[in-house]
Amino acid sequence: MLAKALLLVAFFAFVSCQVGGLQGELRVNNDVAKIVNNLKGQIKQKAQSKGLNGDFAVFFPLTYKTQVVAGTNYFVKIQFNNSPVQYLHAKIFVPLPYVQTGPRLVDIKIPVQGNVPLNYF
């Protein structure tokens, strides 16, 4: 009985950390904030190309999810305006270190309501 319980715990731990699947949503830490802030100009440019005319006076990454691929995809919820409060979702790819290239913006999703969870796009 104990062996079966341990096997189930191990299985669910594996499934929740599966390569290719999105991990749980977390608060942005300093490392993720640095990646996002370094891409602020590209995020603003992409938003404008999709018809958003904002000044991005506020730019605050809030939460993120990761997806392990041949590197890591970061799905990040960003507040970019205060009045009214507006959000966008950014997909950022960080390649494996041996590739020797930096993070790049893949796409953004706008506009997004504050209560919309991060999902693959």
C-alpha atoms as a PDB file:
ATOM      1  CA  MET A   1       0.000   0.000   0.000  1.00  0.00           C
ATOM      2  CA  LEU A   2       2.782   2.437   0.922  1.00  0.00           C
ATOM      3  CA  ALA A   3       4.667   1.534  -2.256  1.00  0.00           C
ATOM      4  CA  LYS A   4       1.594   2.359  -4.353  1.00  0.00           C
ATOM      5  CA  ALA A   5       1.179   5.698  -2.581  1.00  0.00           C
ATOM      6  CA  LEU A   6       4.833   6.586  -3.164  1.00  0.00           C
ATOM      7  CA  LEU A   7       4.531   5.580  -6.797  1.00  0.00           C
ATOM      8  CA  LEU A   8       1.494   7.852  -7.221  1.00  0.00           C
ATOM      9  CA  VAL A   9       3.316  10.770  -5.570  1.00  0.00           C
ATOM     10  CA  ALA A  10       6.322  10.248  -7.856  1.00  0.00           C
ATOM     11  CA  PHE A  11       4.065  10.044 -10.918  1.00  0.00           C
ATOM     12  CA  PHE A  12       2.229  13.285 -10.126  1.00  0.00           C
ATOM     13  CA  ALA A  13       5.529  15.043  -9.358  1.00  0.00           C
ATOM     14  CA  PHE A  14       6.805  13.936 -12.780  1.00  0.00           C
ATOM     15  CA  VAL A  15       3.654  15.026 -14.597  1.00  0.00           C
ATOM     16  CA  SER A  16       3.696  18.474 -12.982  1.00  0.00           C
ATOM     17  CA  CYS A  17       7.313  19.042 -14.111  1.00  0.00           C
ATOM     18  CA  GLN A  18       7.023  17.511 -17.543  1.00  0.00           C
ATOM     19  CA  VAL A  19       9.204  18.844 -20.326  1.00  0.00           C
ATOM     20  CA  GLY A  20       7.091  20.781 -22.816  1.00  0.00           C
ATOM     21  CA  GLY A  21       4.242  21.480 -20.396  1.00  0.00           C
ATOM     22  CA  LEU A  22       3.588  24.828 -18.749  1.00  0.00           C
ATOM     23  CA  GLN A  23       4.614  25.032 -15.108  1.00  0.00           C
ATOM     24  CA  GLY A  24       2.517  26.748 -12.437  1.00  0.00           C
ATOM     25  CA  GLU A  25       2.155  30.524 -12.318  1.00  0.00           C
ATOM     26  CA  LEU A  26       4.708  32.263 -10.070  1.00  0.00           C
ATOM     27  CA  ARG A  27       5.441  35.816  -8.961  1.00  0.00           C
ATOM     28  CA  VAL A  28       8.173  37.418 -11.044  1.00  0.00           C
ATOM     29  CA  ASN A  29      11.609  37.183  -9.444  1.00  0.00           C
ATOM     30  CA  ASN A  30      14.671  39.388 -10.114  1.00  0.00           C
ATOM     31  CA  ASP A  31      16.009  37.114 -12.884  1.00  0.00           C
ATOM     32  CA  VAL A  32      12.744  37.122 -14.840  1.00  0.00           C
ATOM     33  CA  ALA A  33      12.264  40.872 -14.248  1.00  0.00           C
ATOM     34  CA  LYS A  34      15.708  41.518 -15.728  1.00  0.00           C
ATOM     35  CA  ILE A  35      14.901  39.464 -18.857  1.00  0.00           C
ATOM     36  CA  VAL A  36      11.568  41.263 -19.336  1.00  0.00           C
ATOM     37  CA  ASN A  37      12.938  44.750 -18.670  1.00  0.00           C
ATOM     38  CA  ASN A  38      15.750  44.202 -21.186  1.00  0.00           C
ATOM     39  CA  LEU A  39      13.073  43.499 -23.821  1.00  0.00           C
ATOM     40  CA  LYS A  40      10.791  46.440 -22.903  1.00  0.00           C
ATOM     41  CA  GLY A  41      11.559  48.326 -26.130  1.00  0.00           C
ATOM     42  CA  GLN A  42      10.747  45.288 -28.280  1.00  0.00           C
ATOM     43  CA  ILE A  43       7.559  44.609 -26.295  1.00  0.00           C
ATOM     44  CA  LYS A  44       6.425  48.223 -26.755  1.00  0.00           C
ATOM     45  CA  GLN A  45       7.230  48.100 -30.484  1.00  0.00           C
ATOM     46  CA  LYS A  46       5.306  44.826 -30.911  1.00  0.00           C
ATOM     47  CA  ALA A  47       2.318  46.272 -29.004  1.00  0.00           C
ATOM     48  CA  GLN A  48       2.301  49.327 -31.253  1.00  0.00           C
ATOM     49  CA  SER A  49       2.473  47.129 -34.352  1.00  0.00           C
ATOM     50  CA  LYS A  50      -0.679  45.412 -33.055  1.00  0.00           C
ATOM     51  CA  GLY A  51      -2.489  48.742 -32.749  1.00  0.00           C
ATOM     52  CA  LEU A  52      -1.824  49.665 -29.114  1.00  0.00           C
ATOM     53  CA  ASN A  53      -0.957  53.326 -28.599  1.00  0.00           C
ATOM     54  CA  GLY A  54       0.373  53.553 -25.057  1.00  0.00           C
ATOM     55  CA  ASP A  55       3.383  55.239 -23.597  1.00  0.00           C
ATOM     56  CA  PHE A  56       4.313  52.353 -21.283  1.00  0.00           C
ATOM     57  CA  ALA A  57       4.996  54.807 -18.443  1.00  0.00           C
ATOM     58  CA  VAL A  58       4.199  51.853 -16.168  1.00  0.00           C
ATOM     59  CA  PHE A  59       5.914  48.584 -17.022  1.00  0.00           C
ATOM     60  CA  PHE A  60       5.662  46.039 -14.254  1.00  0.00           C
ATOM     61  CA  PRO A  61       6.058  42.263 -14.811  1.00  0.00           C
ATOM     62  CA  LEU A  62       3.763  40.512 -12.322  1.00  0.00           C
ATOM     63  CA  THR A  63       3.641  36.747 -12.812  1.00  0.00           C
ATOM     64  CA  TYR A  64       5.100  34.137 -15.145  1.00  0.00           C
ATOM     65  CA  LYS A  65       4.960  30.524 -16.253  1.00  0.00           C
ATOM     66  CA  THR A  66       7.727  28.546 -17.908  1.00  0.00           C
ATOM     67  CA  GLN A  67       7.816  25.876 -20.567  1.00  0.00           C
ATOM     68  CA  VAL A  68      10.981  23.818 -20.972  1.00  0.00           C
ATOM     69  CA  VAL A  69      11.821  23.269 -24.643  1.00  0.00           C
ATOM     70  CA  ALA A  70      15.277  23.511 -26.277  1.00  0.00           C
ATOM     71  CA  GLY A  71      15.712  26.380 -23.852  1.00  0.00           C
ATOM     72  CA  THR A  72      12.898  27.988 -21.859  1.00  0.00           C
ATOM     73  CA  ASN A  73       9.769  29.841 -22.910  1.00  0.00           C
ATOM     74  CA  TYR A  74       8.609  32.432 -20.398  1.00  0.00           C
ATOM     75  CA  PHE A  75       4.974  33.530 -20.462  1.00  0.00           C
ATOM     76  CA  VAL A  76       4.827  36.783 -18.488  1.00  0.00           C
ATOM     77  CA  LYS A  77       1.886  38.936 -17.376  1.00  0.00           C
ATOM     78  CA  ILE A  78       2.883  42.616 -17.518  1.00  0.00           C
ATOM     79  CA  GLN A  79       1.005  45.662 -16.286  1.00  0.00           C
ATOM     80  CA  PHE A  80       1.751  48.514 -18.688  1.00  0.00           C
ATOM     81  CA  ASN A  81      -0.696  51.253 -17.767  1.00  0.00           C
ATOM     82  CA  ASN A  82      -2.286  52.667 -14.611  1.00  0.00           C
ATOM     83  CA  SER A  83      -5.270  54.619 -15.827  1.00  0.00           C
ATOM     84  CA  PRO A  84      -7.009  52.474 -16.821  1.00  0.00           C
ATOM     85  CA  VAL A  85      -5.021  49.483 -15.576  1.00  0.00           C
ATOM     86  CA  GLN A  86      -3.991  47.416 -18.613  1.00  0.00           C
ATOM     87  CA  TYR A  87      -2.135  44.142 -19.009  1.00  0.00           C
ATOM     88  CA  LEU A  88      -0.451  42.157 -21.727  1.00  0.00           C
ATOM     89  CA  HIS A  89       1.047  38.694 -21.927  1.00  0.00           C
ATOM     90  CA  ALA A  90       4.521  38.301 -23.406  1.00  0.00           C
ATOM     91  CA  LYS A  91       6.125  35.096 -24.665  1.00  0.00           C
ATOM     92  CA  ILE A  92       9.909  35.241 -24.346  1.00  0.00           C
ATOM     93  CA  PHE A  93      12.318  32.517 -25.442  1.00  0.00           C
ATOM     94  CA  VAL A  94      15.620  32.030 -23.608  1.00  0.00           C
ATOM     95  CA  PRO A  95      17.855  29.568 -25.492  1.00  0.00           C
ATOM     96  CA  LEU A  96      20.226  27.104 -23.882  1.00  0.00           C
ATOM     97  CA  PRO A  97      23.583  28.656 -22.894  1.00  0.00           C
ATOM     98  CA  TYR A  98      25.638  26.866 -25.575  1.00  0.00           C
ATOM     99  CA  VAL A  99      23.681  28.707 -28.285  1.00  0.00           C
ATOM    100  CA  GLN A 100      25.270  31.962 -27.071  1.00  0.00           C
ATOM    101  CA  THR A 101      22.352  34.217 -27.965  1.00  0.00           C
ATOM    102  CA  GLY A 102      20.223  36.232 -25.608  1.00  0.00           C
ATOM    103  CA  PRO A 103      16.524  36.130 -24.829  1.00  0.00           C
ATOM    104  CA  ARG A 104      14.142  37.155 -27.600  1.00  0.00           C
ATOM    105  CA  LEU A 105      10.546  38.261 -27.702  1.00  0.00           C
ATOM    106  CA  VAL A 106       8.414  35.707 -29.532  1.00  0.00           C
ATOM    107  CA  ASP A 107       4.998  37.362 -29.327  1.00  0.00           C
ATOM    108  CA  ILE A 108       2.593  39.307 -27.139  1.00  0.00           C
ATOM    109  CA  LYS A 109      -1.110  38.995 -26.457  1.00  0.00           C
ATOM    110  CA  ILE A 110      -3.052  42.246 -25.937  1.00  0.00           C
ATOM    111  CA  PRO A 111      -5.280  43.427 -24.415  1.00  0.00           C
ATOM    112  CA  VAL A 112      -5.619  41.022 -21.497  1.00  0.00           C
ATOM    113  CA  GLN A 113      -7.841  41.340 -18.438  1.00  0.00           C
ATOM    114  CA  GLY A 114      -6.015  41.207 -15.102  1.00  0.00           C
ATOM    115  CA  ASN A 115      -7.747  38.004 -14.024  1.00  0.00           C
ATOM    116  CA  VAL A 116      -6.913  36.053 -17.205  1.00  0.00           C
ATOM    117  CA  PRO A 117      -4.407  33.284 -16.390  1.00  0.00           C
ATOM    118  CA  LEU A 118      -1.250  32.838 -18.401  1.00  0.00           C
ATOM    119  CA  ASN A 119      -1.626  30.156 -21.062  1.00  0.00           C
ATOM    120  CA  TYR A 120       0.275  28.980 -24.102  1.00  0.00           C
ATOM    121  CA  PHE A 121      -0.058  31.184 -27.173  1.00  0.00           C
END
